[in-house]
Amino acid sequence: MIKYQAEFEGYIRDNGVGSNDRVADSVKSYVSYLNSVSKYLGISINAKVLSSENDIDILSDQLTKTGKVSVKTMKNYRSAMRQYVNMVNGI
C-alpha cells in the first residue's frame, strides 16, 4: 500500500522520470514498483518509512536480503523510491 498514491501519480505525471520514458507508462511502473516494495517487505509506503536517501538504502538492503529481487529490478525500485522521497520532500 502506498500512502498518498494519487499525489505520487500526479508528481510523476507532472515531473516525469526520464527523458526516454513515456509518462503514462512511467506512472504505472513506478506505482507498481512501490507496491512491490510494500508487498515484499510487508510495509505501507509512507513518509514515515520513506523520506530520505538513508531510508532508500535501508529498504533496499531489506529487499536484497529477501533474495526475491534482481539487481536490475532493484535499480527500478530504488528509482521509484527516490521519486517518492522527492515528492515527500517537495523537491
N, C-alpha and C. Protein backbone atom coordinates (compact mmCIF):
# COMPACT_ATOMS: atom_id res chain seq x y z
N MET A 1 0.83 -1.17 0.00
CA MET A 1 0.00 0.00 0.00
C MET A 1 0.88 1.25 0.00
N ILE A 2 0.46 2.22 -0.77
CA ILE A 2 1.20 3.47 -0.87
C ILE A 2 0.32 4.60 -0.35
N LYS A 3 0.76 5.23 0.73
CA LYS A 3 0.04 6.39 1.22
C LYS A 3 0.34 7.56 0.28
N TYR A 4 -0.67 8.33 -0.03
CA TYR A 4 -0.56 9.44 -0.96
C TYR A 4 -0.29 8.97 -2.39
N GLN A 5 -0.89 7.82 -2.75
CA GLN A 5 -0.67 7.28 -4.10
C GLN A 5 -1.13 8.24 -5.18
N ALA A 6 -2.29 8.85 -5.00
CA ALA A 6 -2.79 9.78 -6.02
C ALA A 6 -1.83 10.95 -6.19
N GLU A 7 -1.29 11.45 -5.10
CA GLU A 7 -0.34 12.55 -5.16
C GLU A 7 0.96 12.10 -5.84
N PHE A 8 1.38 10.87 -5.55
CA PHE A 8 2.58 10.33 -6.18
C PHE A 8 2.38 10.21 -7.69
N GLU A 9 1.22 9.71 -8.09
CA GLU A 9 0.93 9.59 -9.52
C GLU A 9 0.97 10.97 -10.18
N GLY A 10 0.38 11.95 -9.54
CA GLY A 10 0.42 13.32 -10.07
C GLY A 10 1.83 13.87 -10.15
N TYR A 11 2.62 13.57 -9.14
CA TYR A 11 4.00 14.03 -9.12
C TYR A 11 4.79 13.45 -10.30
N ILE A 12 4.63 12.16 -10.54
CA ILE A 12 5.32 11.51 -11.66
C ILE A 12 4.83 12.10 -12.99
N ARG A 13 3.52 12.26 -13.12
CA ARG A 13 2.97 12.84 -14.34
C ARG A 13 3.52 14.24 -14.58
N ASP A 14 3.56 15.06 -13.53
CA ASP A 14 3.97 16.45 -13.66
C ASP A 14 5.47 16.62 -13.86
N ASN A 15 6.25 15.72 -13.26
CA ASN A 15 7.70 15.89 -13.29
C ASN A 15 8.42 14.92 -14.20
N GLY A 16 7.74 13.86 -14.62
CA GLY A 16 8.40 12.87 -15.45
C GLY A 16 9.50 12.17 -14.66
N VAL A 17 10.03 11.13 -15.22
CA VAL A 17 11.06 10.38 -14.53
C VAL A 17 12.28 10.11 -15.39
N GLY A 18 12.18 10.38 -16.66
CA GLY A 18 13.32 10.15 -17.54
C GLY A 18 12.99 10.60 -18.94
N SER A 19 13.98 11.05 -19.65
CA SER A 19 13.73 11.60 -20.98
C SER A 19 13.24 10.55 -21.97
N ASN A 20 13.54 9.28 -21.73
CA ASN A 20 13.12 8.23 -22.66
C ASN A 20 11.82 7.55 -22.25
N ASP A 21 11.30 7.88 -21.08
CA ASP A 21 10.09 7.23 -20.58
C ASP A 21 8.84 7.90 -21.11
N ARG A 22 7.85 7.07 -21.40
CA ARG A 22 6.53 7.61 -21.70
C ARG A 22 5.86 7.81 -20.35
N VAL A 23 5.36 9.00 -20.10
CA VAL A 23 4.89 9.36 -18.77
C VAL A 23 3.78 8.44 -18.27
N ALA A 24 2.82 8.09 -19.11
CA ALA A 24 1.73 7.22 -18.66
C ALA A 24 2.26 5.88 -18.20
N ASP A 25 3.18 5.31 -18.96
CA ASP A 25 3.78 4.03 -18.58
C ASP A 25 4.62 4.19 -17.31
N SER A 26 5.29 5.32 -17.18
CA SER A 26 6.12 5.56 -16.00
C SER A 26 5.29 5.59 -14.73
N VAL A 27 4.14 6.23 -14.79
CA VAL A 27 3.28 6.31 -13.62
C VAL A 27 2.88 4.91 -13.17
N LYS A 28 2.41 4.10 -14.10
CA LYS A 28 2.02 2.72 -13.77
C LYS A 28 3.19 1.93 -13.23
N SER A 29 4.34 2.06 -13.86
CA SER A 29 5.53 1.31 -13.46
C SER A 29 5.98 1.72 -12.06
N TYR A 30 6.06 2.99 -11.80
CA TYR A 30 6.55 3.45 -10.51
C TYR A 30 5.60 3.08 -9.38
N VAL A 31 4.31 3.15 -9.63
CA VAL A 31 3.34 2.71 -8.63
C VAL A 31 3.50 1.21 -8.40
N SER A 32 3.68 0.46 -9.46
CA SER A 32 3.88 -0.98 -9.35
C SER A 32 5.14 -1.31 -8.56
N TYR A 33 6.23 -0.58 -8.82
CA TYR A 33 7.48 -0.81 -8.10
C TYR A 33 7.29 -0.58 -6.60
N LEU A 34 6.63 0.52 -6.25
CA LEU A 34 6.43 0.80 -4.82
C LEU A 34 5.49 -0.21 -4.18
N ASN A 35 4.48 -0.65 -4.93
CA ASN A 35 3.60 -1.69 -4.39
C ASN A 35 4.36 -2.99 -4.16
N SER A 36 5.31 -3.30 -5.02
CA SER A 36 6.13 -4.50 -4.83
C SER A 36 7.01 -4.37 -3.60
N VAL A 37 7.60 -3.20 -3.40
CA VAL A 37 8.41 -2.97 -2.19
C VAL A 37 7.53 -3.19 -0.96
N SER A 38 6.35 -2.62 -0.99
CA SER A 38 5.40 -2.76 0.11
C SER A 38 5.06 -4.22 0.37
N LYS A 39 4.79 -4.94 -0.70
CA LYS A 39 4.41 -6.36 -0.58
C LYS A 39 5.56 -7.21 -0.06
N TYR A 40 6.74 -7.07 -0.66
CA TYR A 40 7.87 -7.91 -0.27
C TYR A 40 8.29 -7.67 1.19
N LEU A 41 8.17 -6.42 1.65
CA LEU A 41 8.62 -6.10 3.00
C LEU A 41 7.47 -6.09 4.01
N GLY A 42 6.24 -6.21 3.53
CA GLY A 42 5.10 -6.21 4.44
C GLY A 42 4.92 -4.88 5.15
N ILE A 43 5.16 -3.79 4.42
CA ILE A 43 5.04 -2.46 5.00
C ILE A 43 4.14 -1.59 4.13
N SER A 44 3.68 -0.50 4.71
CA SER A 44 2.97 0.52 3.95
C SER A 44 3.99 1.59 3.59
N ILE A 45 4.00 2.00 2.34
CA ILE A 45 4.91 3.06 1.91
C ILE A 45 4.28 4.39 2.31
N ASN A 46 4.99 5.12 3.15
CA ASN A 46 4.52 6.44 3.59
C ASN A 46 5.73 7.28 3.97
N ALA A 47 5.49 8.54 4.30
CA ALA A 47 6.58 9.47 4.60
C ALA A 47 7.36 9.07 5.85
N LYS A 48 6.76 8.29 6.70
CA LYS A 48 7.46 7.88 7.93
C LYS A 48 8.56 6.86 7.64
N VAL A 49 8.32 5.99 6.67
CA VAL A 49 9.32 4.95 6.35
C VAL A 49 10.16 5.28 5.12
N LEU A 50 9.73 6.27 4.33
CA LEU A 50 10.44 6.58 3.08
C LEU A 50 10.46 8.09 2.84
N SER A 51 11.46 8.75 3.44
CA SER A 51 11.56 10.20 3.26
C SER A 51 13.00 10.69 3.11
N SER A 52 13.95 9.75 2.96
CA SER A 52 15.35 10.16 2.82
C SER A 52 16.13 9.11 2.03
N GLU A 53 17.31 9.51 1.61
CA GLU A 53 18.19 8.58 0.90
C GLU A 53 18.57 7.42 1.83
N ASN A 54 18.72 7.70 3.10
CA ASN A 54 19.03 6.65 4.07
C ASN A 54 17.90 5.62 4.13
N ASP A 55 16.66 6.10 4.07
CA ASP A 55 15.51 5.17 4.06
C ASP A 55 15.55 4.27 2.83
N ILE A 56 15.93 4.85 1.69
CA ILE A 56 16.04 4.06 0.46
C ILE A 56 17.09 2.96 0.64
N ASP A 57 18.22 3.32 1.24
CA ASP A 57 19.28 2.33 1.48
C ASP A 57 18.81 1.22 2.41
N ILE A 58 18.12 1.59 3.47
CA ILE A 58 17.63 0.60 4.44
C ILE A 58 16.64 -0.36 3.78
N LEU A 59 15.67 0.19 3.05
CA LEU A 59 14.68 -0.65 2.40
C LEU A 59 15.32 -1.52 1.32
N SER A 60 16.28 -0.95 0.60
CA SER A 60 16.99 -1.73 -0.43
C SER A 60 17.74 -2.90 0.18
N ASP A 61 18.40 -2.66 1.29
CA ASP A 61 19.11 -3.74 1.98
C ASP A 61 18.14 -4.83 2.42
N GLN A 62 17.00 -4.43 2.95
CA GLN A 62 16.00 -5.41 3.37
C GLN A 62 15.48 -6.21 2.19
N LEU A 63 15.26 -5.53 1.07
CA LEU A 63 14.79 -6.22 -0.14
C LEU A 63 15.84 -7.21 -0.64
N THR A 64 17.11 -6.80 -0.64
CA THR A 64 18.19 -7.68 -1.09
C THR A 64 18.23 -8.94 -0.24
N LYS A 65 18.03 -8.80 1.05
CA LYS A 65 18.07 -9.95 1.96
C LYS A 65 16.94 -10.94 1.70
N THR A 66 15.85 -10.48 1.07
CA THR A 66 14.75 -11.41 0.77
C THR A 66 15.16 -12.39 -0.33
N GLY A 67 16.12 -11.99 -1.18
CA GLY A 67 16.55 -12.83 -2.28
C GLY A 67 15.54 -12.91 -3.41
N LYS A 68 14.53 -12.07 -3.40
CA LYS A 68 13.47 -12.11 -4.40
C LYS A 68 13.61 -11.05 -5.49
N VAL A 69 14.62 -10.19 -5.36
CA VAL A 69 14.72 -9.04 -6.26
C VAL A 69 16.06 -9.06 -6.98
N SER A 70 16.01 -9.01 -8.31
CA SER A 70 17.23 -8.99 -9.12
C SER A 70 17.89 -7.61 -9.03
N VAL A 71 19.13 -7.53 -9.46
CA VAL A 71 19.86 -6.27 -9.45
C VAL A 71 19.15 -5.23 -10.32
N LYS A 72 18.71 -5.64 -11.51
CA LYS A 72 18.03 -4.72 -12.41
C LYS A 72 16.72 -4.22 -11.78
N THR A 73 15.97 -5.13 -11.20
CA THR A 73 14.71 -4.74 -10.58
C THR A 73 14.96 -3.82 -9.39
N MET A 74 16.02 -4.08 -8.65
CA MET A 74 16.36 -3.22 -7.51
C MET A 74 16.63 -1.79 -7.97
N LYS A 75 17.27 -1.63 -9.11
CA LYS A 75 17.51 -0.29 -9.65
C LYS A 75 16.18 0.42 -9.91
N ASN A 76 15.23 -0.31 -10.46
CA ASN A 76 13.91 0.27 -10.72
C ASN A 76 13.21 0.65 -9.41
N TYR A 77 13.30 -0.24 -8.43
CA TYR A 77 12.69 0.03 -7.12
C TYR A 77 13.33 1.25 -6.48
N ARG A 78 14.65 1.33 -6.54
CA ARG A 78 15.34 2.48 -5.94
C ARG A 78 14.94 3.78 -6.64
N SER A 79 14.79 3.73 -7.95
CA SER A 79 14.38 4.91 -8.69
C SER A 79 12.98 5.36 -8.26
N ALA A 80 12.07 4.42 -8.12
CA ALA A 80 10.72 4.75 -7.68
C ALA A 80 10.74 5.29 -6.25
N MET A 81 11.53 4.67 -5.39
CA MET A 81 11.62 5.16 -4.01
C MET A 81 12.20 6.57 -3.97
N ARG A 82 13.18 6.84 -4.82
CA ARG A 82 13.79 8.17 -4.88
C ARG A 82 12.75 9.21 -5.32
N GLN A 83 11.92 8.87 -6.28
CA GLN A 83 10.87 9.79 -6.71
C GLN A 83 9.87 10.04 -5.57
N TYR A 84 9.56 9.00 -4.81
CA TYR A 84 8.64 9.17 -3.67
C TYR A 84 9.28 10.10 -2.63
N VAL A 85 10.57 9.90 -2.36
CA VAL A 85 11.28 10.76 -1.42
C VAL A 85 11.27 12.21 -1.92
N ASN A 86 11.51 12.40 -3.20
CA ASN A 86 11.49 13.75 -3.77
C ASN A 86 10.11 14.39 -3.60
N MET A 87 9.07 13.60 -3.84
CA MET A 87 7.71 14.12 -3.67
C MET A 87 7.48 14.51 -2.22
N VAL A 88 7.82 13.62 -1.30
CA VAL A 88 7.61 13.87 0.13
C VAL A 88 8.33 15.13 0.58
N ASN A 89 9.52 15.33 0.05
CA ASN A 89 10.33 16.48 0.46
C ASN A 89 10.09 17.72 -0.39
N GLY A 90 9.16 17.62 -1.33
CA GLY A 90 8.78 18.77 -2.13
C GLY A 90 9.83 19.28 -3.08
N ILE A 91 10.69 18.36 -3.53
CA ILE A 91 11.75 18.78 -4.47
C ILE A 91 11.21 18.74 -5.88
